[in-house]
Protein backbone atom coordinates (compact mmCIF):
# COMPACT_ATOMS: atom_id res chain seq x y z
CA MET A 1 -40.56 31.88 76.63
CA SER A 2 -42.55 29.93 74.05
CA HIS A 3 -43.21 26.24 74.52
CA ASP A 4 -43.79 23.50 71.98
CA LEU A 5 -46.54 21.31 73.43
CA THR A 6 -46.37 18.69 70.68
CA PRO A 7 -45.80 15.35 72.46
CA THR A 8 -42.34 14.03 71.72
CA LEU A 9 -40.65 11.29 73.73
CA VAL A 10 -37.43 12.56 75.34
CA SER A 11 -34.84 9.88 76.11
CA PHE A 12 -32.32 10.39 78.89
CA GLN A 13 -30.04 7.72 77.45
CA ALA A 14 -29.90 9.54 74.14
CA ALA A 15 -28.58 12.60 75.98
CA THR A 16 -25.76 10.91 77.91
CA GLU A 17 -23.25 11.33 75.08
CA GLY A 18 -23.71 15.08 75.48
CA PHE A 19 -23.21 14.75 79.23
CA ARG A 20 -19.87 13.04 78.63
CA ALA A 21 -18.82 15.58 76.00
CA GLY A 22 -19.80 18.55 78.15
CA THR A 23 -22.30 19.89 75.61
CA ASP A 24 -25.25 19.03 77.85
CA SER A 25 -25.78 18.12 81.49
CA PRO A 26 -28.38 16.43 83.70
CA ARG A 27 -29.20 19.82 85.21
CA ASP A 28 -29.91 21.27 81.77
CA PHE A 29 -31.92 18.17 80.91
CA LEU A 30 -33.93 18.63 84.11
CA GLU A 31 -34.57 22.30 83.41
CA ARG A 32 -35.96 21.42 80.00
CA ALA A 33 -38.24 18.91 81.71
CA ILE A 34 -39.39 21.52 84.22
CA ASP A 35 -40.13 24.01 81.43
CA LYS A 36 -42.27 21.42 79.66
CA LEU A 37 -43.95 20.46 82.94
CA GLU A 38 -44.88 24.04 83.78
CA ALA A 39 -46.32 24.58 80.31
CA ALA A 40 -48.24 21.32 80.03
CA GLU A 41 -49.30 20.46 83.58
CA PRO A 42 -52.27 22.88 83.83
CA THR A 43 -53.85 20.87 81.01
CA LEU A 44 -52.45 17.38 81.65
CA LYS A 45 -52.92 17.25 85.45
CA ALA A 46 -50.34 14.45 85.56
CA PHE A 47 -48.74 15.23 88.95
CA ALA A 48 -50.06 14.86 92.49
CA ALA A 49 -46.98 16.44 94.14
CA LEU A 50 -43.63 17.91 93.10
CA ALA A 51 -40.14 17.94 94.61
CA ILE A 52 -38.31 20.19 92.15
CA PRO A 53 -35.85 21.92 94.56
CA ARG A 54 -34.45 18.55 95.69
CA ALA A 55 -34.38 17.30 92.08
CA ARG A 56 -32.26 20.30 91.09
CA ILE A 57 -29.75 19.58 93.85
CA VAL A 58 -29.52 15.95 92.74
CA ALA A 59 -29.12 16.94 89.09
CA ASP A 60 -26.30 19.33 89.99
CA GLY A 61 -24.39 16.53 91.70
CA ALA A 62 -24.96 14.23 88.74
CA SER A 63 -23.82 16.93 86.31
CA LEU A 64 -20.49 17.18 88.08
CA ARG A 65 -20.04 13.41 88.09
CA TRP A 66 -20.80 13.06 84.37
CA LYS A 67 -18.39 15.93 83.63
CA GLU A 68 -15.67 14.16 85.60
CA GLY A 69 -16.43 10.83 83.92
CA ARG A 70 -17.64 9.08 87.07
CA PRO A 71 -21.46 8.76 86.98
CA VAL A 72 -22.74 6.40 89.66
CA SER A 73 -25.04 4.68 87.17
CA ARG A 74 -26.48 4.90 83.65
CA ILE A 75 -29.40 6.88 85.13
CA ASP A 76 -27.36 9.30 87.25
CA GLY A 77 -29.33 12.57 87.24
CA MET A 78 -32.30 11.21 85.27
CA PRO A 79 -35.61 12.99 86.04
CA ILE A 80 -38.22 10.46 87.07
CA GLY A 81 -41.81 10.34 88.32
CA ILE A 82 -43.19 8.01 90.99
CA LYS A 83 -46.76 6.71 90.89
CA ASP A 84 -48.71 8.02 93.85
CA ILE A 85 -49.23 4.65 95.48
CA ILE A 86 -45.47 4.26 96.04
CA GLU A 87 -43.95 5.73 99.21
CA THR A 88 -41.54 8.66 99.20
CA PHE A 89 -40.28 10.24 102.41
CA ASP A 90 -40.38 13.79 101.03
CA MET A 91 -43.81 13.90 99.36
CA PRO A 92 -47.31 12.96 100.52
CA MET A 93 -49.00 9.86 99.11
CA GLY A 94 -52.60 10.39 98.06
CA LEU A 95 -53.45 6.97 96.57
CA GLY A 96 -55.87 8.74 94.26
CA SER A 97 -58.40 9.00 97.08
CA PRO A 98 -59.60 11.78 99.39
CA THR A 99 -59.45 9.24 102.22
CA ALA A 100 -55.63 9.42 102.12
CA SER A 101 -55.41 13.21 102.20
CA GLY A 102 -52.42 14.37 104.23
CA PHE A 103 -50.76 10.95 104.48
CA GLN A 104 -46.99 11.43 104.66
CA PRO A 105 -44.83 8.29 104.52
CA VAL A 106 -41.75 8.26 106.74
CA ARG A 107 -39.66 6.18 104.34
CA ASP A 108 -38.94 5.59 100.68
CA ALA A 109 -40.26 2.50 98.96
CA ALA A 110 -37.57 0.02 97.95
CA VAL A 111 -37.57 1.21 94.33
CA VAL A 112 -37.43 4.88 95.30
CA HIS A 113 -34.50 4.20 97.61
CA ALA A 114 -32.79 2.33 94.75
CA LEU A 115 -33.43 5.20 92.33
CA ARG A 116 -31.99 7.78 94.71
CA ASP A 117 -28.98 5.52 95.27
CA SER A 118 -28.58 5.41 91.46
CA GLY A 119 -28.46 9.21 91.33
CA ALA A 120 -31.92 9.67 89.78
CA ALA A 121 -33.67 13.01 90.34
CA ILE A 122 -37.19 12.38 91.68
CA VAL A 123 -39.31 15.16 90.16
CA GLY A 124 -42.68 14.30 91.66
CA LYS A 125 -45.52 11.91 92.33
CA THR A 126 -47.70 11.05 89.34
CA LYS A 127 -51.45 10.71 89.63
CA THR A 128 -53.21 7.39 89.96
CA THR A 129 -56.79 6.23 89.82
CA GLU A 130 -58.41 5.55 93.19
CA PHE A 131 -56.27 2.92 94.98
CA ALA A 132 -54.87 2.04 91.53
CA GLY A 133 -58.29 0.68 90.60
CA SER A 134 -60.88 1.59 88.00
CA TYR A 135 -62.25 4.91 89.33
CA ALA A 136 -60.57 7.52 87.14
CA THR A 137 -58.50 10.53 88.11
CA ASP A 138 -58.50 13.83 86.19
CA THR A 139 -55.30 13.25 84.17
CA ARG A 140 -55.48 13.94 80.42
CA ASN A 141 -53.89 12.33 77.39
CA PRO A 142 -50.97 14.43 76.04
CA HIS A 143 -51.98 13.69 72.44
CA ASP A 144 -55.58 14.86 72.97
CA PRO A 145 -56.62 16.34 76.34
CA THR A 146 -60.24 15.40 75.69
CA ARG A 147 -59.24 11.74 76.08
CA THR A 148 -58.13 9.55 78.95
CA SER A 149 -54.46 8.75 79.52
CA GLY A 150 -55.52 5.32 80.75
CA GLY A 151 -55.15 3.88 84.20
CA SER A 152 -54.24 3.25 86.78
CA SER A 153 -50.76 4.67 86.05
CA ALA A 154 -52.41 7.70 84.48
CA GLY A 155 -49.98 10.44 85.43
CA SER A 156 -46.87 8.40 84.67
CA ALA A 157 -47.97 7.64 81.13
CA SER A 158 -49.12 11.21 80.54
CA ALA A 159 -45.85 12.72 81.79
CA VAL A 160 -43.69 10.43 79.65
CA GLY A 161 -45.95 10.67 76.61
CA ALA A 162 -45.86 14.47 76.86
CA GLY A 163 -42.06 14.48 76.76
CA ILE A 164 -41.79 15.81 80.31
CA LEU A 165 -40.03 12.78 81.81
CA PRO A 166 -37.91 10.05 80.25
CA VAL A 167 -39.18 7.50 82.80
CA ALA A 168 -41.95 7.21 85.36
CA LEU A 169 -42.88 4.29 87.56
CA GLY A 170 -46.26 2.61 87.41
CA THR A 171 -47.77 -0.57 88.74
CA GLN A 172 -49.89 -3.28 87.11
CA VAL A 173 -52.34 -5.79 88.52
CA ILE A 174 -54.77 -5.76 85.56
CA GLY A 175 -53.50 -3.47 82.77
CA SER A 176 -52.24 -0.40 84.58
CA THR A 177 -48.83 0.00 82.92
CA LEU A 178 -49.22 -1.42 79.42
CA ARG A 179 -52.55 0.19 78.53
CA PRO A 180 -51.72 3.80 79.53
CA ALA A 181 -48.35 3.46 77.81
CA SER A 182 -50.19 2.38 74.65
CA PHE A 183 -52.67 5.26 74.91
CA CYS A 184 -49.99 7.91 75.49
CA GLY A 185 -47.47 6.80 72.87
CA ALA A 186 -44.81 5.64 75.33
CA PHE A 187 -42.95 2.39 75.89
CA GLY A 188 -44.38 0.31 78.74
CA PHE A 189 -42.77 -2.59 80.62
CA LYS A 190 -44.56 -5.02 82.89
CA PRO A 191 -41.84 -7.39 84.17
CA THR A 192 -41.94 -10.99 85.32
CA LEU A 193 -43.89 -11.30 88.55
CA GLY A 194 -41.63 -10.40 91.48
CA ALA A 195 -38.82 -9.02 89.30
CA ILE A 196 -38.90 -5.58 90.97
CA ASN A 197 -39.15 -5.13 94.75
CA ARG A 198 -42.63 -3.85 95.75
CA GLY A 199 -41.70 -2.99 99.32
CA GLY A 200 -43.39 0.32 100.21
CA SER A 201 -45.70 0.18 97.20
CA HIS A 202 -49.37 -0.15 98.05
CA ASP A 203 -50.05 -2.80 95.41
CA PHE A 204 -49.66 -5.98 97.40
CA GLN A 205 -52.00 -8.24 95.39
CA SER A 206 -50.50 -11.57 94.42
CA HIS A 207 -50.08 -10.88 90.70
CA SER A 208 -49.32 -7.17 90.90
CA CYS A 209 -45.92 -5.71 90.04
CA ILE A 210 -44.00 -2.48 89.61
CA GLY A 211 -44.05 -1.31 85.99
CA VAL A 212 -41.87 1.16 84.11
CA ILE A 213 -43.08 3.61 81.45
CA GLY A 214 -40.35 5.25 79.40
CA ALA A 215 -39.24 7.16 76.33
CA SER A 216 -37.13 4.28 74.99
CA LEU A 217 -36.31 0.65 75.59
CA ALA A 218 -32.88 1.75 76.84
CA ASP A 219 -34.34 4.15 79.39
CA ILE A 220 -36.62 1.41 80.72
CA TRP A 221 -34.02 -1.36 80.81
CA PHE A 222 -31.33 0.69 82.55
CA THR A 223 -33.82 2.03 85.09
CA THR A 224 -35.15 -1.43 85.87
CA HIS A 225 -31.69 -2.96 86.08
CA GLU A 226 -30.44 -0.28 88.47
CA MET A 227 -33.48 -0.67 90.74
CA VAL A 228 -33.12 -4.42 90.90
CA GLN A 229 -29.36 -4.33 91.48
CA ARG A 230 -29.93 -2.14 94.53
CA ALA A 231 -33.24 -3.44 95.90
CA GLY A 232 -33.68 -6.88 94.35
CA GLY A 233 -37.02 -8.37 93.49
CA ASP A 234 -39.88 -9.19 95.80
CA PRO A 235 -38.79 -11.19 98.87
CA GLY A 236 -38.17 -14.76 97.81
CA ALA A 237 -38.13 -13.87 94.10
CA MET A 238 -35.08 -13.98 91.85
CA GLY A 239 -35.48 -10.42 90.59
CA LEU A 240 -34.93 -9.27 87.02
CA ILE A 241 -32.61 -11.64 85.17
CA GLY A 242 -30.39 -10.10 82.53
CA LYS A 243 -27.16 -8.27 81.81
CA ALA A 244 -26.60 -4.61 82.56
CA GLU A 245 -26.50 -3.69 78.87
CA LEU A 246 -29.61 -3.48 76.72
CA ALA A 247 -29.99 -6.63 74.64
CA ALA A 248 -29.12 -6.28 70.97
CA PRO A 249 -31.88 -6.84 68.39
CA ALA A 250 -32.67 -10.53 67.95
CA LYS A 251 -34.94 -11.96 65.29
CA PRO A 252 -37.40 -14.47 66.78
CA GLY A 253 -37.73 -17.87 65.19
CA LYS A 254 -41.36 -18.34 66.21
CA LEU A 255 -44.05 -16.00 67.50
CA ILE A 256 -47.49 -16.83 68.83
CA LEU A 257 -50.24 -14.48 67.68
CA LEU A 258 -52.48 -14.06 70.73
CA GLN A 259 -55.84 -12.61 69.79
CA THR A 260 -57.45 -12.90 73.26
CA PRO A 261 -61.18 -12.51 74.04
CA ALA A 262 -60.83 -8.81 73.15
CA TRP A 263 -60.16 -9.40 69.46
CA ASP A 264 -63.70 -8.53 68.39
CA ASP A 265 -63.63 -5.44 70.64
CA ALA A 266 -60.54 -4.06 68.92
CA THR A 267 -61.01 -1.55 66.15
CA ALA A 268 -60.68 -2.73 62.58
CA SER A 269 -57.64 -0.48 62.16
CA ALA A 270 -55.94 -1.96 65.23
CA ARG A 271 -56.49 -5.52 64.03
CA GLU A 272 -55.32 -4.71 60.51
CA GLN A 273 -52.10 -3.12 61.73
CA LEU A 274 -51.23 -6.05 63.98
CA LEU A 275 -51.95 -8.56 61.23
CA ALA A 276 -49.81 -6.51 58.84
CA THR A 277 -46.92 -6.72 61.31
CA VAL A 278 -47.45 -10.45 61.66
CA SER A 279 -47.46 -10.80 57.87
CA THR A 280 -44.23 -8.82 57.59
CA MET A 281 -42.59 -11.00 60.24
CA SER A 282 -43.76 -14.12 58.46
CA ALA A 283 -42.32 -12.85 55.18
CA ALA A 284 -39.01 -12.33 56.99
CA GLY A 285 -38.95 -16.00 57.96
CA VAL A 286 -40.55 -15.87 61.42
CA GLN A 287 -42.94 -18.77 61.95
CA ILE A 288 -46.32 -17.58 63.24
CA LEU A 289 -48.46 -19.84 65.41
CA SER A 290 -52.09 -18.87 66.01
CA ARG A 291 -55.41 -20.32 67.03
CA ASP A 292 -56.05 -20.95 63.32
CA ASN A 293 -53.07 -23.26 62.77
CA HIS A 294 -52.09 -24.58 66.21
CA GLU A 295 -54.31 -26.64 68.51
CA GLY A 296 -52.41 -25.63 71.63
CA VAL A 297 -52.86 -21.91 70.90
CA ALA A 298 -56.58 -22.43 70.19
CA LYS A 299 -57.00 -24.28 73.49
CA PHE A 300 -55.18 -21.54 75.39
CA GLU A 301 -57.27 -18.83 73.72
CA THR A 302 -60.35 -20.65 75.02
CA ALA A 303 -58.89 -20.72 78.53
CA LEU A 304 -58.39 -16.95 78.35
CA LEU A 305 -62.15 -16.43 78.11
CA GLU A 306 -62.22 -16.49 81.92
CA VAL A 307 -59.04 -14.51 82.57
CA MET A 308 -60.65 -11.13 83.26
CA ASP A 309 -63.19 -12.44 85.75
CA LEU A 310 -60.46 -14.52 87.36
CA ALA A 311 -58.20 -11.49 87.73
CA LEU A 312 -60.88 -9.19 89.10
CA ASP A 313 -62.12 -11.74 91.62
CA ILE A 314 -58.61 -12.46 92.93
CA VAL A 315 -57.73 -8.77 93.18
CA GLY A 316 -61.06 -7.99 94.80
CA TYR A 317 -60.62 -10.59 97.52
CA GLU A 318 -57.01 -9.63 98.18
CA SER A 319 -58.04 -5.96 98.49
CA ARG A 320 -60.60 -6.60 101.23
CA TRP A 321 -58.37 -5.70 104.16
CA PRO A 322 -57.19 -2.24 103.09
CA LEU A 323 -60.46 -1.20 101.49
CA LYS A 324 -62.63 -2.33 104.39
CA SER A 325 -60.21 -0.69 106.80
CA VAL A 326 -60.68 2.62 104.97
CA ALA A 327 -64.45 2.09 104.83
CA TYR A 328 -64.62 1.71 108.62
CA ARG A 329 -63.30 5.24 109.12
CA ASP A 330 -64.35 7.10 105.95
CA ARG A 331 -66.95 5.22 103.92
CA ASP A 332 -68.23 8.43 102.34
CA GLY A 333 -64.81 9.09 100.80
CA LEU A 334 -64.90 5.89 98.72
CA SER A 335 -66.26 5.62 95.20
CA PRO A 336 -69.24 3.40 94.35
CA SER A 337 -66.90 1.05 92.46
CA VAL A 338 -64.80 0.41 95.58
CA LEU A 339 -67.88 -0.17 97.72
CA THR A 340 -69.16 -2.66 95.15
CA ARG A 341 -65.77 -4.41 95.14
CA ILE A 342 -65.94 -4.82 98.92
CA LYS A 343 -69.41 -6.35 98.70
CA LEU A 344 -68.45 -8.83 95.99
CA SER A 345 -65.28 -9.93 97.79
CA ASP A 346 -67.27 -10.59 100.96
CA GLU A 347 -69.61 -12.83 98.98
CA LEU A 348 -66.70 -14.81 97.49
CA GLY A 349 -65.30 -16.08 100.77
CA LEU A 350 -62.06 -17.93 101.51
CA ASP A 351 -63.07 -21.18 99.82
CA GLY A 352 -63.98 -19.28 96.68
CA TYR A 353 -60.64 -17.49 96.74
CA ARG A 354 -58.73 -20.75 97.10
CA ALA A 355 -60.55 -22.13 94.07
CA LEU A 356 -59.52 -19.05 92.09
CA LEU A 357 -55.86 -19.58 92.97
CA THR A 358 -56.08 -23.19 91.81
CA ARG A 359 -57.52 -22.05 88.48
CA ARG A 360 -54.82 -19.41 88.10
CA ALA A 361 -52.07 -21.94 88.78
CA ALA A 362 -53.47 -24.24 86.09
CA MET A 363 -53.65 -21.36 83.60
CA ARG A 364 -50.03 -20.41 84.32
CA GLU A 365 -48.88 -23.98 83.85
CA ALA A 366 -50.65 -24.19 80.50
CA PHE A 367 -49.15 -20.87 79.44
CA GLU A 368 -45.60 -21.80 80.35
CA THR A 369 -45.97 -25.09 78.44
CA LEU A 370 -47.20 -23.25 75.35
CA ALA A 371 -44.55 -20.53 75.70
CA ARG A 372 -41.81 -23.12 75.29
CA GLU A 373 -42.91 -23.58 71.67
CA ALA A 374 -42.06 -19.98 70.64
CA ASP A 375 -39.80 -17.05 71.44
CA ALA A 376 -42.63 -14.70 72.41
CA PHE A 377 -46.29 -13.82 72.01
CA ILE A 378 -47.47 -10.88 69.92
CA THR A 379 -50.73 -8.98 70.37
CA LEU A 380 -52.14 -5.47 70.75
CA GLY A 381 -51.38 -3.05 73.58
CA ALA A 382 -55.04 -1.95 73.70
CA THR A 383 -58.26 -2.35 71.74
CA GLY A 384 -57.66 0.96 69.97
CA ALA A 385 -57.14 4.64 70.65
CA ALA A 386 -57.66 6.08 74.12
CA PRO A 387 -61.40 6.59 74.70
CA LYS A 388 -62.82 10.08 74.53
CA GLY A 389 -63.63 11.58 77.92
CA ILE A 390 -61.76 10.90 81.14
CA GLN A 391 -64.36 8.95 83.09
CA TRP A 392 -63.31 5.56 81.67
CA THR A 393 -59.69 4.46 81.45
CA GLY A 394 -60.25 1.95 78.64
CA ASN A 395 -60.56 -1.78 78.05
CA PRO A 396 -57.64 -3.71 79.64
CA MET A 397 -58.45 -7.09 78.12
CA PHE A 398 -55.29 -7.27 76.00
CA ASN A 399 -53.16 -6.58 79.09
CA VAL A 400 -54.69 -8.78 81.78
CA PRO A 401 -53.21 -12.08 80.51
CA ALA A 402 -49.66 -10.90 81.29
CA SER A 403 -50.79 -9.88 84.77
CA VAL A 404 -52.53 -13.12 85.71
CA LEU A 405 -49.81 -15.25 84.13
CA GLY A 406 -46.98 -13.38 85.88
CA ALA A 407 -45.40 -12.90 82.46
CA PRO A 408 -43.16 -10.08 81.21
CA ALA A 409 -44.70 -7.83 78.57
CA LEU A 410 -43.76 -4.73 76.59
CA SER A 411 -45.95 -2.18 74.83
CA LEU A 412 -44.20 -0.56 71.87
CA PRO A 413 -45.52 2.73 70.39
CA VAL A 414 -45.63 1.72 66.75
CA TYR A 415 -49.29 2.02 65.68
CA GLU A 416 -51.92 4.73 65.35
CA ASP A 417 -55.71 4.64 65.66
CA GLU A 418 -58.00 7.63 65.20
CA GLY A 419 -54.85 9.74 64.94
CA MET A 420 -53.83 8.59 68.42
CA PRO A 421 -51.01 6.30 69.59
CA LEU A 422 -51.56 2.56 69.88
CA GLY A 423 -49.09 -0.01 71.15
CA LEU A 424 -47.94 -3.36 69.86
CA GLN A 425 -47.54 -5.77 72.77
CA LEU A 426 -44.99 -8.53 73.19
CA MET A 427 -45.25 -11.09 75.99
CA GLY A 428 -42.97 -13.92 77.06
CA ALA A 429 -42.61 -16.75 79.53
CA GLN A 430 -41.58 -15.85 83.06
CA HIS A 431 -37.95 -14.68 83.40
CA THR A 432 -37.53 -14.08 79.65
CA ASP A 433 -37.55 -10.30 80.13
CA GLU A 434 -34.12 -9.81 78.55
CA ARG A 435 -35.04 -11.87 75.48
CA LEU A 436 -38.26 -9.88 75.17
CA PHE A 437 -36.24 -6.65 74.98
CA ALA A 438 -34.04 -8.20 72.28
CA ILE A 439 -37.11 -9.09 70.21
CA ALA A 440 -38.60 -5.65 70.85
CA ASN A 441 -35.39 -4.07 69.56
CA TYR A 442 -35.72 -6.17 66.42
CA VAL A 443 -39.35 -5.09 65.95
CA MET A 444 -38.51 -1.41 66.45
CA ALA A 445 -35.69 -1.63 63.91
CA ARG A 446 -37.96 -2.91 61.13
């Protein structure tokens, strides 16, 4: 059998009409995914473990339900990948580190339980960087295997971007969902902080969240909605707010152009494409606020100069317990970057950490005040094309504001740089996830 390895996003939602008509089925959809996986995986190295026999059983059940007109959800039978820091009872969890070799969870994470309850077919665990940090794994970009797929949700972005899966779960505490989605030509969603239950996911830091990488806005929205309906958000959080249906396209009245401290690091092509989009939106009657014409935006851009250091210091301190625990038993299995992170977090101390939280709270308050003046923020999904080589997962500076601010953000695969995909990023105030999808639908339709 010959295989076309050209990366093409494959939407599950686009196939459901065929499921209803009997011209296609979730089992057939899964088999096409498996064919693509078997052909591409030796090069991509996107998966840490597979559970194909169980996925086939699940897809068979879903096929029957679609045929009888009684699917249990909009994602019944959908093949999906799970980032390898999220627990599954039937596959080991490697955390991207040799120190976790052989670790077998005895339960599903909250989101995995919710996906199974929705009828989704869990195909496998997707590779992550070490402890979802900065030390790269061996996953390749589906558009050019000599380049990184990004991180830390490396395998999830690669598998979706390669057209193997319609959806794969990631996580984000710095830029781990939005940046790899941008690099691999997929849609990426980082929701409002706490919108998706992180129980059983080993990303416990205070501004981390589950992310979703998908082949379409519909695939992402329906997956997220089903997970939240069944597992809620983080304890004490309201969870994703929005209707079950994907929001219709909505033209924004005002957008804030956010250039961030990474503007000068972005390629000329990336900047030109974003500014061209902004110009087109302005010509369509959308008011554009920027640091050049709005004092509040300029002041906030200045505040963002410290956002990366703030994020890394908070994450470093909050990671002390698990990383030092691993170091006690297997220090030689840790990368130099993790050992350095442990040292720096020890030097920070509790008083230093408390000061960081105070600064973060002030930044969030300023952001939410500014966000009330517009419908959304618009910026780049990354500084440019995925870097060549796989040792560095790329600059996350355009993504870290959404993480620190607890804000929802979407990366849309609409640009190109060096012949590679590049995302346009939209960001909104907390709990405006549904409105952000409506604006994204408007952008994609233009």
